[in-house]
Amino acid sequence: MDRRRWTLLLIPPKNGSAREYSLPGWSFRAAAWVSAAAAILVVGAVTVLFSPWGTPGARIVAKQNASLQVEIAAIEARFRVLDDTLELIAKREGQLRLLAGLPVEATSVRDSARPEASVVTASLSDPSPLQPVRRRPFLGRLGWSARPDVDGLIARASTLARSFDLVSDTLQRNYDRFANTPSIMPTTGWLSSQFTSSRFHPILHENRPHEGIDVVAPTGTPIVAPATGTVVFAGLDKGFGLAVEIEHGNGIRTRFAHCSRIAVRTGQRVTRGQLIAAVGMTGLATAPHLHYEIHVNGKPVDPLTFVLPDA
């Protein structure tokens, strides 16, 4: 046991009398231990109050944060897949634009190795030209540094949607134009008279333009519409006999004359290949045949120039 004693001398300011205290040696060691214990208590209190693992609530929050990190990583992976999918769609969209005859001014190829990559977009006012813009790459925890560019993906998807609408409308117009263009022979038989600016008429006995072609066939041979259109005339037309006229749009009109009977009425909508009449010899005709004309913007043209090969 430490028997030493320590003398503590207190000297007041000015002229006050000094005071002397005698303390045992063990009291200083006890004071040191008490101070150390107090410091440990303070550090423990700070740890409990401010560390993430100090309280049950903090531990729950820390666990939820870890779960959220896993979910965020999964979402980033899905965004990368979505980004790649949009690129594939953009390439297909470019091919469709070529098919529709629309201009393709830029292409988009995603390059994840670069810090930035170009994407294809278009302005709202003019969706036909494609203009390249820059986007921020989104990257995950394994070397990926930025959050997914959701706005950029939405803008790209919207641009592709508008472009697909334009392509679809254009293809539909092209399809309608083809459907309304006479491209098949309206009946079977053999060609007896061609389109010409001067031909001797067998009944009128004079030279005059022949504004169509004549196809000889037995009476009753079916006559079909060579394209989609609307019947604008169906009835008796003087020298043409029983005749049918069809308006196809785009300034194209067809006429079928010398029919033996008519299977359509004025105002009726017909499609390519639909029965409209039968071959006959009504009007100024010397034998059963079909007189077939095509007029473009009011002017007669050679029907054979519209017939597709082997049609």
C-alpha atoms as a PDB file:
ATOM      1  CA  MET A   1       0.000   0.000   0.000  1.00  0.00           C
ATOM      2  CA  ASP A   2       1.284   3.411  -0.986  1.00  0.00           C
ATOM      3  CA  ARG A   3       1.955   5.338   2.205  1.00  0.00           C
ATOM      4  CA  ARG A   4       3.224   8.438   0.507  1.00  0.00           C
ATOM      5  CA  ARG A   5       1.334  11.693   0.923  1.00  0.00           C
ATOM      6  CA  TRP A   6       1.033  14.645  -1.400  1.00  0.00           C
ATOM      7  CA  THR A   7       0.838  18.248  -0.227  1.00  0.00           C
ATOM      8  CA  LEU A   8      -1.399  20.603  -2.218  1.00  0.00           C
ATOM      9  CA  LEU A   9      -0.638  24.277  -1.601  1.00  0.00           C
ATOM     10  CA  LEU A  10      -3.211  26.898  -2.679  1.00  0.00           C
ATOM     11  CA  ILE A  11      -1.957  30.498  -2.803  1.00  0.00           C
ATOM     12  CA  PRO A  12      -4.725  33.088  -3.264  1.00  0.00           C
ATOM     13  CA  PRO A  13      -4.095  36.317  -5.203  1.00  0.00           C
ATOM     14  CA  LYS A  14      -2.955  39.497  -3.605  1.00  0.00           C
ATOM     15  CA  ASN A  15      -2.303  39.181   0.134  1.00  0.00           C
ATOM     16  CA  GLY A  16      -4.594  36.332   1.147  1.00  0.00           C
ATOM     17  CA  SER A  17      -3.330  33.566   3.335  1.00  0.00           C
ATOM     18  CA  ALA A  18      -2.153  30.327   1.686  1.00  0.00           C
ATOM     19  CA  ARG A  19      -3.860  27.041   2.364  1.00  0.00           C
ATOM     20  CA  GLU A  20      -2.203  23.666   2.584  1.00  0.00           C
ATOM     21  CA  TYR A  21      -3.860  20.286   1.990  1.00  0.00           C
ATOM     22  CA  SER A  22      -2.287  16.893   2.541  1.00  0.00           C
ATOM     23  CA  LEU A  23      -3.576  14.105   0.256  1.00  0.00           C
ATOM     24  CA  PRO A  24      -2.679  10.396   0.228  1.00  0.00           C
ATOM     25  CA  GLY A  25      -0.886   9.075  -2.933  1.00  0.00           C
ATOM     26  CA  TRP A  26      -3.625   6.638  -3.946  1.00  0.00           C
ATOM     27  CA  SER A  27      -6.139   9.488  -4.444  1.00  0.00           C
ATOM     28  CA  PHE A  28      -4.381  10.647  -7.648  1.00  0.00           C
ATOM     29  CA  ARG A  29      -4.542   7.164  -9.157  1.00  0.00           C
ATOM     30  CA  ALA A  30      -8.237   6.943  -8.279  1.00  0.00           C
ATOM     31  CA  ALA A  31      -8.858  10.285  -9.981  1.00  0.00           C
ATOM     32  CA  ALA A  32      -7.070   9.050 -13.123  1.00  0.00           C
ATOM     33  CA  TRP A  33      -9.228   5.886 -13.250  1.00  0.00           C
ATOM     34  CA  VAL A  34     -12.396   7.884 -12.778  1.00  0.00           C
ATOM     35  CA  SER A  35     -11.408  10.208 -15.639  1.00  0.00           C
ATOM     36  CA  ALA A  36     -10.676   7.244 -17.947  1.00  0.00           C
ATOM     37  CA  ALA A  37     -14.013   5.637 -17.103  1.00  0.00           C
ATOM     38  CA  ALA A  38     -15.821   8.911 -17.828  1.00  0.00           C
ATOM     39  CA  ALA A  39     -14.075   9.194 -21.219  1.00  0.00           C
ATOM     40  CA  ILE A  40     -15.096   5.631 -22.088  1.00  0.00           C
ATOM     41  CA  LEU A  41     -18.692   6.397 -21.180  1.00  0.00           C
ATOM     42  CA  VAL A  42     -18.670   9.507 -23.378  1.00  0.00           C
ATOM     43  CA  VAL A  43     -17.253   7.587 -26.380  1.00  0.00           C
ATOM     44  CA  GLY A  44     -19.836   4.822 -25.894  1.00  0.00           C
ATOM     45  CA  ALA A  45     -22.676   7.346 -25.735  1.00  0.00           C
ATOM     46  CA  VAL A  46     -21.498   9.038 -28.921  1.00  0.00           C
ATOM     47  CA  THR A  47     -21.272   5.639 -30.669  1.00  0.00           C
ATOM     48  CA  VAL A  48     -24.778   4.683 -29.604  1.00  0.00           C
ATOM     49  CA  LEU A  49     -26.285   8.015 -30.623  1.00  0.00           C
ATOM     50  CA  PHE A  50     -24.540   8.701 -33.932  1.00  0.00           C
ATOM     51  CA  SER A  51     -23.374   5.389 -35.507  1.00  0.00           C
ATOM     52  CA  PRO A  52     -25.625   3.439 -37.961  1.00  0.00           C
ATOM     53  CA  TRP A  53     -25.538   0.388 -35.747  1.00  0.00           C
ATOM     54  CA  GLY A  54     -26.070   2.092 -32.428  1.00  0.00           C
ATOM     55  CA  THR A  55     -29.857   1.736 -32.226  1.00  0.00           C
ATOM     56  CA  PRO A  56     -32.373  -0.857 -33.524  1.00  0.00           C
ATOM     57  CA  GLY A  57     -33.911   1.789 -35.821  1.00  0.00           C
ATOM     58  CA  ALA A  58     -30.525   2.632 -37.279  1.00  0.00           C
ATOM     59  CA  ARG A  59     -29.798  -1.048 -37.895  1.00  0.00           C
ATOM     60  CA  ILE A  60     -33.129  -1.414 -39.748  1.00  0.00           C
ATOM     61  CA  VAL A  61     -32.347   1.627 -41.897  1.00  0.00           C
ATOM     62  CA  ALA A  62     -28.894   0.280 -42.701  1.00  0.00           C
ATOM     63  CA  LYS A  63     -30.393  -3.060 -43.754  1.00  0.00           C
ATOM     64  CA  GLN A  64     -32.954  -1.313 -45.933  1.00  0.00           C
ATOM     65  CA  ASN A  65     -30.206   0.760 -47.584  1.00  0.00           C
ATOM     66  CA  ALA A  66     -28.285  -2.391 -48.433  1.00  0.00           C
ATOM     67  CA  SER A  67     -31.444  -3.922 -49.949  1.00  0.00           C
ATOM     68  CA  LEU A  68     -32.071  -0.756 -51.939  1.00  0.00           C
ATOM     69  CA  GLN A  69     -28.540  -0.869 -53.325  1.00  0.00           C
ATOM     70  CA  VAL A  70     -29.222  -4.377 -54.673  1.00  0.00           C
ATOM     71  CA  GLU A  71     -32.530  -3.268 -56.205  1.00  0.00           C
ATOM     72  CA  ILE A  72     -30.915  -0.203 -57.785  1.00  0.00           C
ATOM     73  CA  ALA A  73     -28.237  -2.387 -59.342  1.00  0.00           C
ATOM     74  CA  ALA A  74     -30.961  -4.639 -60.817  1.00  0.00           C
ATOM     75  CA  ILE A  75     -32.859  -1.614 -62.167  1.00  0.00           C
ATOM     76  CA  GLU A  76     -29.680  -0.264 -63.770  1.00  0.00           C
ATOM     77  CA  ALA A  77     -29.175  -3.627 -65.473  1.00  0.00           C
ATOM     78  CA  ARG A  78     -32.715  -3.471 -66.850  1.00  0.00           C
ATOM     79  CA  PHE A  79     -32.132   0.057 -68.097  1.00  0.00           C
ATOM     80  CA  ARG A  80     -29.059  -1.168 -69.953  1.00  0.00           C
ATOM     81  CA  VAL A  81     -31.158  -3.875 -71.592  1.00  0.00           C
ATOM     82  CA  LEU A  82     -33.793  -1.247 -72.469  1.00  0.00           C
ATOM     83  CA  ASP A  83     -31.114   0.985 -73.951  1.00  0.00           C
ATOM     84  CA  ASP A  84     -29.841  -1.862 -76.141  1.00  0.00           C
ATOM     85  CA  THR A  85     -33.402  -2.708 -77.185  1.00  0.00           C
ATOM     86  CA  LEU A  86     -34.036   0.881 -78.232  1.00  0.00           C
ATOM     87  CA  GLU A  87     -30.917   0.757 -80.366  1.00  0.00           C
ATOM     88  CA  LEU A  88     -32.138  -2.391 -82.128  1.00  0.00           C
ATOM     89  CA  ILE A  89     -35.521  -0.768 -82.697  1.00  0.00           C
ATOM     90  CA  ALA A  90     -33.795   2.351 -84.034  1.00  0.00           C
ATOM     91  CA  LYS A  91     -31.890   0.236 -86.577  1.00  0.00           C
ATOM     92  CA  ARG A  92     -35.092  -1.484 -87.664  1.00  0.00           C
ATOM     93  CA  GLU A  93     -36.780   1.908 -87.886  1.00  0.00           C
ATOM     94  CA  GLY A  94     -34.045   3.070 -90.255  1.00  0.00           C
ATOM     95  CA  GLN A  95     -34.639   0.048 -92.486  1.00  0.00           C
ATOM     96  CA  LEU A  96     -38.373   0.727 -92.526  1.00  0.00           C
ATOM     97  CA  ARG A  97     -37.744   4.358 -93.447  1.00  0.00           C
ATOM     98  CA  LEU A  98     -35.765   3.185 -96.459  1.00  0.00           C
ATOM     99  CA  LEU A  99     -38.580   0.813 -97.382  1.00  0.00           C
ATOM    100  CA  ALA A 100     -41.086   3.658 -97.130  1.00  0.00           C
ATOM    101  CA  GLY A 101     -38.896   5.976 -99.197  1.00  0.00           C
ATOM    102  CA  LEU A 102     -38.260   8.371 -96.307  1.00  0.00           C
ATOM    103  CA  PRO A 103     -34.868  10.043 -95.733  1.00  0.00           C
ATOM    104  CA  VAL A 104     -32.512   8.533 -93.167  1.00  0.00           C
ATOM    105  CA  GLU A 105     -29.981  11.189 -92.193  1.00  0.00           C
ATOM    106  CA  ALA A 106     -28.386   9.560 -89.158  1.00  0.00           C
ATOM    107  CA  THR A 107     -27.991   6.161 -87.568  1.00  0.00           C
ATOM    108  CA  SER A 108     -27.543   5.265 -83.927  1.00  0.00           C
ATOM    109  CA  VAL A 109     -25.077   2.634 -82.721  1.00  0.00           C
ATOM    110  CA  ARG A 110     -24.591   2.349 -78.976  1.00  0.00           C
ATOM    111  CA  ASP A 111     -20.985   2.136 -77.824  1.00  0.00           C
ATOM    112  CA  SER A 112     -20.778   1.453 -74.086  1.00  0.00           C
ATOM    113  CA  ALA A 113     -17.007   1.746 -74.081  1.00  0.00           C
ATOM    114  CA  ARG A 114     -17.175   5.457 -74.753  1.00  0.00           C
ATOM    115  CA  PRO A 115     -18.056   8.020 -72.094  1.00  0.00           C
ATOM    116  CA  GLU A 116     -20.805   9.366 -74.334  1.00  0.00           C
ATOM    117  CA  ALA A 117     -22.782   7.915 -77.210  1.00  0.00           C
ATOM    118  CA  SER A 118     -24.959   9.471 -79.847  1.00  0.00           C
ATOM    119  CA  VAL A 119     -28.603   8.597 -80.223  1.00  0.00           C
ATOM    120  CA  VAL A 120     -31.174   9.314 -82.893  1.00  0.00           C
ATOM    121  CA  THR A 121     -33.972  11.770 -82.226  1.00  0.00           C
ATOM    122  CA  ALA A 122     -36.162  14.195 -84.169  1.00  0.00           C
ATOM    123  CA  SER A 123     -37.855  17.469 -83.519  1.00  0.00           C
ATOM    124  CA  LEU A 124     -41.553  17.606 -82.742  1.00  0.00           C
ATOM    125  CA  SER A 125     -42.195  20.016 -85.593  1.00  0.00           C
ATOM    126  CA  ASP A 126     -40.617  17.824 -88.290  1.00  0.00           C
ATOM    127  CA  PRO A 127     -40.435  14.123 -87.452  1.00  0.00           C
ATOM    128  CA  SER A 128     -39.006  13.068 -90.797  1.00  0.00           C
ATOM    129  CA  PRO A 129     -35.300  14.023 -90.466  1.00  0.00           C
ATOM    130  CA  LEU A 130     -33.320  12.270 -87.777  1.00  0.00           C
ATOM    131  CA  GLN A 131     -30.849  14.459 -85.925  1.00  0.00           C
ATOM    132  CA  PRO A 132     -28.088  13.072 -83.646  1.00  0.00           C
ATOM    133  CA  VAL A 133     -27.955  14.309 -80.076  1.00  0.00           C
ATOM    134  CA  ARG A 134     -25.680  13.489 -77.161  1.00  0.00           C
ATOM    135  CA  ARG A 135     -26.730  11.562 -74.115  1.00  0.00           C
ATOM    136  CA  ARG A 136     -25.157  10.775 -70.761  1.00  0.00           C
ATOM    137  CA  PRO A 137     -24.321   7.061 -70.290  1.00  0.00           C
ATOM    138  CA  PHE A 138     -25.782   5.360 -67.272  1.00  0.00           C
ATOM    139  CA  LEU A 139     -23.444   3.008 -65.493  1.00  0.00           C
ATOM    140  CA  GLY A 140     -23.691   0.702 -62.519  1.00  0.00           C
ATOM    141  CA  ARG A 141     -21.496  -0.201 -59.616  1.00  0.00           C
ATOM    142  CA  LEU A 142     -18.985  -2.211 -61.664  1.00  0.00           C
ATOM    143  CA  GLY A 143     -17.354   0.682 -63.450  1.00  0.00           C
ATOM    144  CA  TRP A 144     -20.618   2.493 -64.136  1.00  0.00           C
ATOM    145  CA  SER A 145     -20.648   5.994 -62.765  1.00  0.00           C
ATOM    146  CA  ALA A 146     -23.913   7.885 -63.501  1.00  0.00           C
ATOM    147  CA  ARG A 147     -27.563   7.164 -62.834  1.00  0.00           C
ATOM    148  CA  PRO A 148     -29.818   5.985 -65.686  1.00  0.00           C
ATOM    149  CA  ASP A 149     -30.842   8.767 -68.053  1.00  0.00           C
ATOM    150  CA  VAL A 150     -34.563   8.075 -67.766  1.00  0.00           C
ATOM    151  CA  ASP A 151     -35.544  11.306 -69.530  1.00  0.00           C
ATOM    152  CA  GLY A 152     -33.240  10.441 -72.411  1.00  0.00           C
ATOM    153  CA  LEU A 153     -34.717   6.967 -72.768  1.00  0.00           C
ATOM    154  CA  ILE A 154     -38.251   8.375 -72.699  1.00  0.00           C
ATOM    155  CA  ALA A 155     -37.322  10.961 -75.330  1.00  0.00           C
ATOM    156  CA  ARG A 156     -35.780   8.298 -77.566  1.00  0.00           C
ATOM    157  CA  ALA A 157     -38.808   6.034 -77.198  1.00  0.00           C
ATOM    158  CA  SER A 158     -41.137   8.929 -78.003  1.00  0.00           C
ATOM    159  CA  THR A 159     -39.056   9.832 -81.049  1.00  0.00           C
ATOM    160  CA  LEU A 160     -39.143   6.253 -82.310  1.00  0.00           C
ATOM    161  CA  ALA A 161     -42.907   6.119 -81.739  1.00  0.00           C
ATOM    162  CA  ARG A 162     -43.414   9.289 -83.796  1.00  0.00           C
ATOM    163  CA  SER A 163     -41.123   8.005 -86.524  1.00  0.00           C
ATOM    164  CA  PHE A 164     -42.913   4.652 -86.654  1.00  0.00           C
ATOM    165  CA  ASP A 165     -46.217   6.511 -86.981  1.00  0.00           C
ATOM    166  CA  LEU A 166     -44.791   8.450 -89.927  1.00  0.00           C
ATOM    167  CA  VAL A 167     -43.406   5.278 -91.523  1.00  0.00           C
ATOM    168  CA  SER A 168     -46.710   3.485 -90.975  1.00  0.00           C
ATOM    169  CA  ASP A 169     -48.686   6.332 -92.544  1.00  0.00           C
ATOM    170  CA  THR A 170     -46.316   6.476 -95.513  1.00  0.00           C
ATOM    171  CA  LEU A 171     -46.430   2.715 -96.060  1.00  0.00           C
ATOM    172  CA  GLN A 172     -50.219   2.816 -95.827  1.00  0.00           C
ATOM    173  CA  ARG A 173     -50.353   5.569 -98.444  1.00  0.00           C
ATOM    174  CA  ASN A 174     -48.005   3.589-100.681  1.00  0.00           C
ATOM    175  CA  TYR A 175     -50.134   0.488-100.183  1.00  0.00           C
ATOM    176  CA  ASP A 176     -53.308   2.403-100.975  1.00  0.00           C
ATOM    177  CA  ARG A 177     -51.674   3.902-104.067  1.00  0.00           C
ATOM    178  CA  PHE A 178     -50.670   0.439-105.281  1.00  0.00           C
ATOM    179  CA  ALA A 179     -54.111  -0.988-104.467  1.00  0.00           C
ATOM    180  CA  ASN A 180     -55.683   1.824-106.504  1.00  0.00           C
ATOM    181  CA  THR A 181     -53.363   1.369-109.497  1.00  0.00           C
ATOM    182  CA  PRO A 182     -54.686  -0.906-112.301  1.00  0.00           C
ATOM    183  CA  SER A 183     -52.085  -3.663-112.501  1.00  0.00           C
ATOM    184  CA  ILE A 184     -53.863  -6.758-113.879  1.00  0.00           C
ATOM    185  CA  MET A 185     -55.748  -7.581-117.062  1.00  0.00           C
ATOM    186  CA  PRO A 186     -59.488  -7.306-116.432  1.00  0.00           C
ATOM    187  CA  THR A 187     -60.315 -10.432-118.489  1.00  0.00           C
ATOM    188  CA  THR A 188     -58.761 -13.362-120.313  1.00  0.00           C
ATOM    189  CA  GLY A 189     -58.569 -13.625-124.088  1.00  0.00           C
ATOM    190  CA  TRP A 190     -56.335 -12.485-126.909  1.00  0.00           C
ATOM    191  CA  LEU A 191     -55.375  -8.947-127.830  1.00  0.00           C
ATOM    192  CA  SER A 192     -56.983  -7.929-131.132  1.00  0.00           C
ATOM    193  CA  SER A 193     -56.379  -4.149-131.128  1.00  0.00           C
ATOM    194  CA  GLN A 194     -53.773  -2.105-129.339  1.00  0.00           C
ATOM    195  CA  PHE A 195     -53.691   1.469-128.089  1.00  0.00           C
ATOM    196  CA  THR A 196     -52.906   3.758-131.018  1.00  0.00           C
ATOM    197  CA  SER A 197     -53.374   7.318-132.186  1.00  0.00           C
ATOM    198  CA  SER A 198     -54.907   6.223-135.498  1.00  0.00           C
ATOM    199  CA  ARG A 199     -56.817   3.066-136.411  1.00  0.00           C
ATOM    200  CA  PHE A 200     -59.367   2.206-139.102  1.00  0.00           C
ATOM    201  CA  HIS A 201     -62.722   1.707-137.407  1.00  0.00           C
ATOM    202  CA  PRO A 202     -64.425  -1.468-138.768  1.00  0.00           C
ATOM    203  CA  ILE A 203     -67.950  -0.018-138.472  1.00  0.00           C
ATOM    204  CA  LEU A 204     -67.494   3.714-138.997  1.00  0.00           C
ATOM    205  CA  HIS A 205     -64.955   3.069-141.802  1.00  0.00           C
ATOM    206  CA  GLU A 206     -62.677   5.946-140.865  1.00  0.00           C
ATOM    207  CA  ASN A 207     -59.339   6.428-139.174  1.00  0.00           C
ATOM    208  CA  ARG A 208     -59.645   7.591-135.581  1.00  0.00           C
ATOM    209  CA  PRO A 209     -57.661   7.188-132.349  1.00  0.00           C
ATOM    210  CA  HIS A 210     -58.127   3.930-130.461  1.00  0.00           C
ATOM    211  CA  GLU A 211     -57.880   5.054-126.825  1.00  0.00           C
ATOM    212  CA  GLY A 212     -57.747   1.582-125.333  1.00  0.00           C
ATOM    213  CA  ILE A 213     -57.147  -2.059-126.121  1.00  0.00           C
ATOM    214  CA  ASP A 214     -59.553  -4.749-127.350  1.00  0.00           C
ATOM    215  CA  VAL A 215     -59.474  -8.226-125.821  1.00  0.00           C
ATOM    216  CA  VAL A 216     -61.455 -10.846-127.713  1.00  0.00           C
ATOM    217  CA  ALA A 217     -63.166 -13.440-125.508  1.00  0.00           C
ATOM    218  CA  PRO A 218     -66.373 -15.512-125.527  1.00  0.00           C
ATOM    219  CA  THR A 219     -69.579 -13.826-124.429  1.00  0.00           C
ATOM    220  CA  GLY A 220     -70.040 -14.095-120.693  1.00  0.00           C
ATOM    221  CA  THR A 221     -66.318 -14.211-119.871  1.00  0.00           C
ATOM    222  CA  PRO A 222     -65.890 -12.510-116.470  1.00  0.00           C
ATOM    223  CA  ILE A 223     -64.525  -8.964-116.316  1.00  0.00           C
ATOM    224  CA  VAL A 224     -62.892  -8.017-112.999  1.00  0.00           C
ATOM    225  CA  ALA A 225     -61.756  -4.718-111.532  1.00  0.00           C
ATOM    226  CA  PRO A 226     -58.009  -4.227-112.151  1.00  0.00           C
ATOM    227  CA  ALA A 227     -57.663  -2.179-108.954  1.00  0.00           C
ATOM    228  CA  THR A 228     -59.587  -0.824-105.979  1.00  0.00           C
ATOM    229  CA  GLY A 229     -61.913   2.055-106.751  1.00  0.00           C
ATOM    230  CA  THR A 230     -65.448   3.432-106.878  1.00  0.00           C
ATOM    231  CA  VAL A 231     -67.894   2.813-109.734  1.00  0.00           C
ATOM    232  CA  VAL A 232     -68.825   6.198-111.206  1.00  0.00           C
ATOM    233  CA  PHE A 233     -70.854   4.898-114.142  1.00  0.00           C
ATOM    234  CA  ALA A 234     -72.637   1.634-114.857  1.00  0.00           C
ATOM    235  CA  GLY A 235     -75.121   1.485-117.728  1.00  0.00           C
ATOM    236  CA  LEU A 236     -75.694   2.074-121.441  1.00  0.00           C
ATOM    237  CA  ASP A 237     -73.221   4.500-123.070  1.00  0.00           C
ATOM    238  CA  LYS A 238     -74.128   4.935-126.792  1.00  0.00           C
ATOM    239  CA  GLY A 239     -71.449   3.390-128.989  1.00  0.00           C
ATOM    240  CA  PHE A 240     -69.787   1.670-125.994  1.00  0.00           C
ATOM    241  CA  GLY A 241     -72.951  -0.300-125.219  1.00  0.00           C
ATOM    242  CA  LEU A 242     -73.155  -1.534-121.654  1.00  0.00           C
ATOM    243  CA  ALA A 243     -70.157   0.062-119.946  1.00  0.00           C
ATOM    244  CA  VAL A 244     -68.611   0.509-116.507  1.00  0.00           C
ATOM    245  CA  GLU A 245     -66.313   3.314-115.344  1.00  0.00           C
ATOM    246  CA  ILE A 246     -64.290   3.142-112.130  1.00  0.00           C
ATOM    247  CA  GLU A 247     -62.561   6.035-110.370  1.00  0.00           C
ATOM    248  CA  HIS A 248     -59.364   4.789-108.662  1.00  0.00           C
ATOM    249  CA  GLY A 249     -58.030   8.022-107.244  1.00  0.00           C
ATOM    250  CA  ASN A 250     -54.740   9.782-108.028  1.00  0.00           C
ATOM    251  CA  GLY A 251     -56.354  10.928-111.283  1.00  0.00           C
ATOM    252  CA  ILE A 252     -56.790   7.360-112.643  1.00  0.00           C
ATOM    253  CA  ARG A 253     -60.077   6.197-114.227  1.00  0.00           C
ATOM    254  CA  THR A 254     -60.789   2.958-116.134  1.00  0.00           C
ATOM    255  CA  ARG A 255     -63.554   2.141-118.654  1.00  0.00           C
ATOM    256  CA  PHE A 256     -64.928  -1.264-119.695  1.00  0.00           C
ATOM    257  CA  ALA A 257     -67.182  -1.301-122.768  1.00  0.00           C
ATOM    258  CA  HIS A 258     -69.346  -3.648-124.929  1.00  0.00           C
ATOM    259  CA  CYS A 259     -70.329  -5.738-121.891  1.00  0.00           C
ATOM    260  CA  SER A 260     -73.112  -8.320-122.053  1.00  0.00           C
ATOM    261  CA  ARG A 261     -74.150  -7.641-118.480  1.00  0.00           C
ATOM    262  CA  ILE A 262     -73.099  -5.462-115.539  1.00  0.00           C
ATOM    263  CA  ALA A 263     -72.574  -6.801-111.997  1.00  0.00           C
ATOM    264  CA  VAL A 264     -72.037  -3.503-110.137  1.00  0.00           C
ATOM    265  CA  ARG A 265     -73.930  -0.248-109.594  1.00  0.00           C
ATOM    266  CA  THR A 266     -72.930   3.398-109.548  1.00  0.00           C
ATOM    267  CA  GLY A 267     -71.348   4.433-106.241  1.00  0.00           C
ATOM    268  CA  GLN A 268     -70.299   0.891-105.333  1.00  0.00           C
ATOM    269  CA  ARG A 269     -66.824   0.320-103.906  1.00  0.00           C
ATOM    270  CA  VAL A 270     -64.911  -2.478-105.639  1.00  0.00           C
ATOM    271  CA  THR A 271     -61.576  -4.168-105.009  1.00  0.00           C
ATOM    272  CA  ARG A 272     -58.958  -5.633-107.312  1.00  0.00           C
ATOM    273  CA  GLY A 273     -60.187  -8.926-108.781  1.00  0.00           C
ATOM    274  CA  GLN A 274     -63.880  -8.317-108.007  1.00  0.00           C
ATOM    275  CA  LEU A 275     -66.381  -9.237-110.727  1.00  0.00           C
ATOM    276  CA  ILE A 276     -67.857  -6.109-112.340  1.00  0.00           C
ATOM    277  CA  ALA A 277     -69.250  -7.275-115.715  1.00  0.00           C
ATOM    278  CA  ALA A 278     -69.117  -9.899-118.469  1.00  0.00           C
ATOM    279  CA  VAL A 279     -67.741  -9.777-122.018  1.00  0.00           C
ATOM    280  CA  GLY A 280     -70.292  -9.044-124.757  1.00  0.00           C
ATOM    281  CA  MET A 281     -70.794  -7.182-128.028  1.00  0.00           C
ATOM    282  CA  THR A 282     -73.241  -4.412-127.151  1.00  0.00           C
ATOM    283  CA  GLY A 283     -72.805  -1.034-128.840  1.00  0.00           C
ATOM    284  CA  LEU A 284     -70.630  -0.653-131.932  1.00  0.00           C
ATOM    285  CA  ALA A 285     -68.972  -4.089-131.943  1.00  0.00           C
ATOM    286  CA  THR A 286     -68.541  -6.777-134.571  1.00  0.00           C
ATOM    287  CA  ALA A 287     -67.633  -9.607-132.193  1.00  0.00           C
ATOM    288  CA  PRO A 288     -67.655 -10.341-128.456  1.00  0.00           C
ATOM    289  CA  HIS A 289     -64.765  -8.474-126.876  1.00  0.00           C
ATOM    290  CA  LEU A 290     -63.805  -6.097-124.073  1.00  0.00           C
ATOM    291  CA  HIS A 291     -62.776  -2.554-124.896  1.00  0.00           C
ATOM    292  CA  TYR A 292     -60.543  -1.448-121.970  1.00  0.00           C
ATOM    293  CA  GLU A 293     -59.337   2.129-121.408  1.00  0.00           C
ATOM    294  CA  ILE A 294     -57.236   3.876-118.741  1.00  0.00           C
ATOM    295  CA  HIS A 295     -57.314   7.672-118.353  1.00  0.00           C
ATOM    296  CA  VAL A 296     -54.789   9.543-116.201  1.00  0.00           C
ATOM    297  CA  ASN A 297     -55.791  13.103-115.345  1.00  0.00           C
ATOM    298  CA  GLY A 298     -58.292  13.026-118.188  1.00  0.00           C
ATOM    299  CA  LYS A 299     -55.839  11.792-120.844  1.00  0.00           C
ATOM    300  CA  PRO A 300     -55.950   8.254-122.332  1.00  0.00           C
ATOM    301  CA  VAL A 301     -52.856   6.097-121.823  1.00  0.00           C
ATOM    302  CA  ASP A 302     -51.902   2.618-123.012  1.00  0.00           C
ATOM    303  CA  PRO A 303     -53.415   0.110-120.493  1.00  0.00           C
ATOM    304  CA  LEU A 304     -50.620  -2.372-121.198  1.00  0.00           C
ATOM    305  CA  THR A 305     -48.108  -0.021-119.539  1.00  0.00           C
ATOM    306  CA  PHE A 306     -49.967  -0.551-116.228  1.00  0.00           C
ATOM    307  CA  VAL A 307     -50.149  -4.349-116.377  1.00  0.00           C
ATOM    308  CA  LEU A 308     -47.555  -6.096-114.211  1.00  0.00           C
ATOM    309  CA  PRO A 309     -45.461  -8.880-115.803  1.00  0.00           C
ATOM    310  CA  ASP A 310     -47.358 -12.191-116.000  1.00  0.00           C
ATOM    311  CA  ALA A 311     -50.504 -10.438-114.743  1.00  0.00           C
END
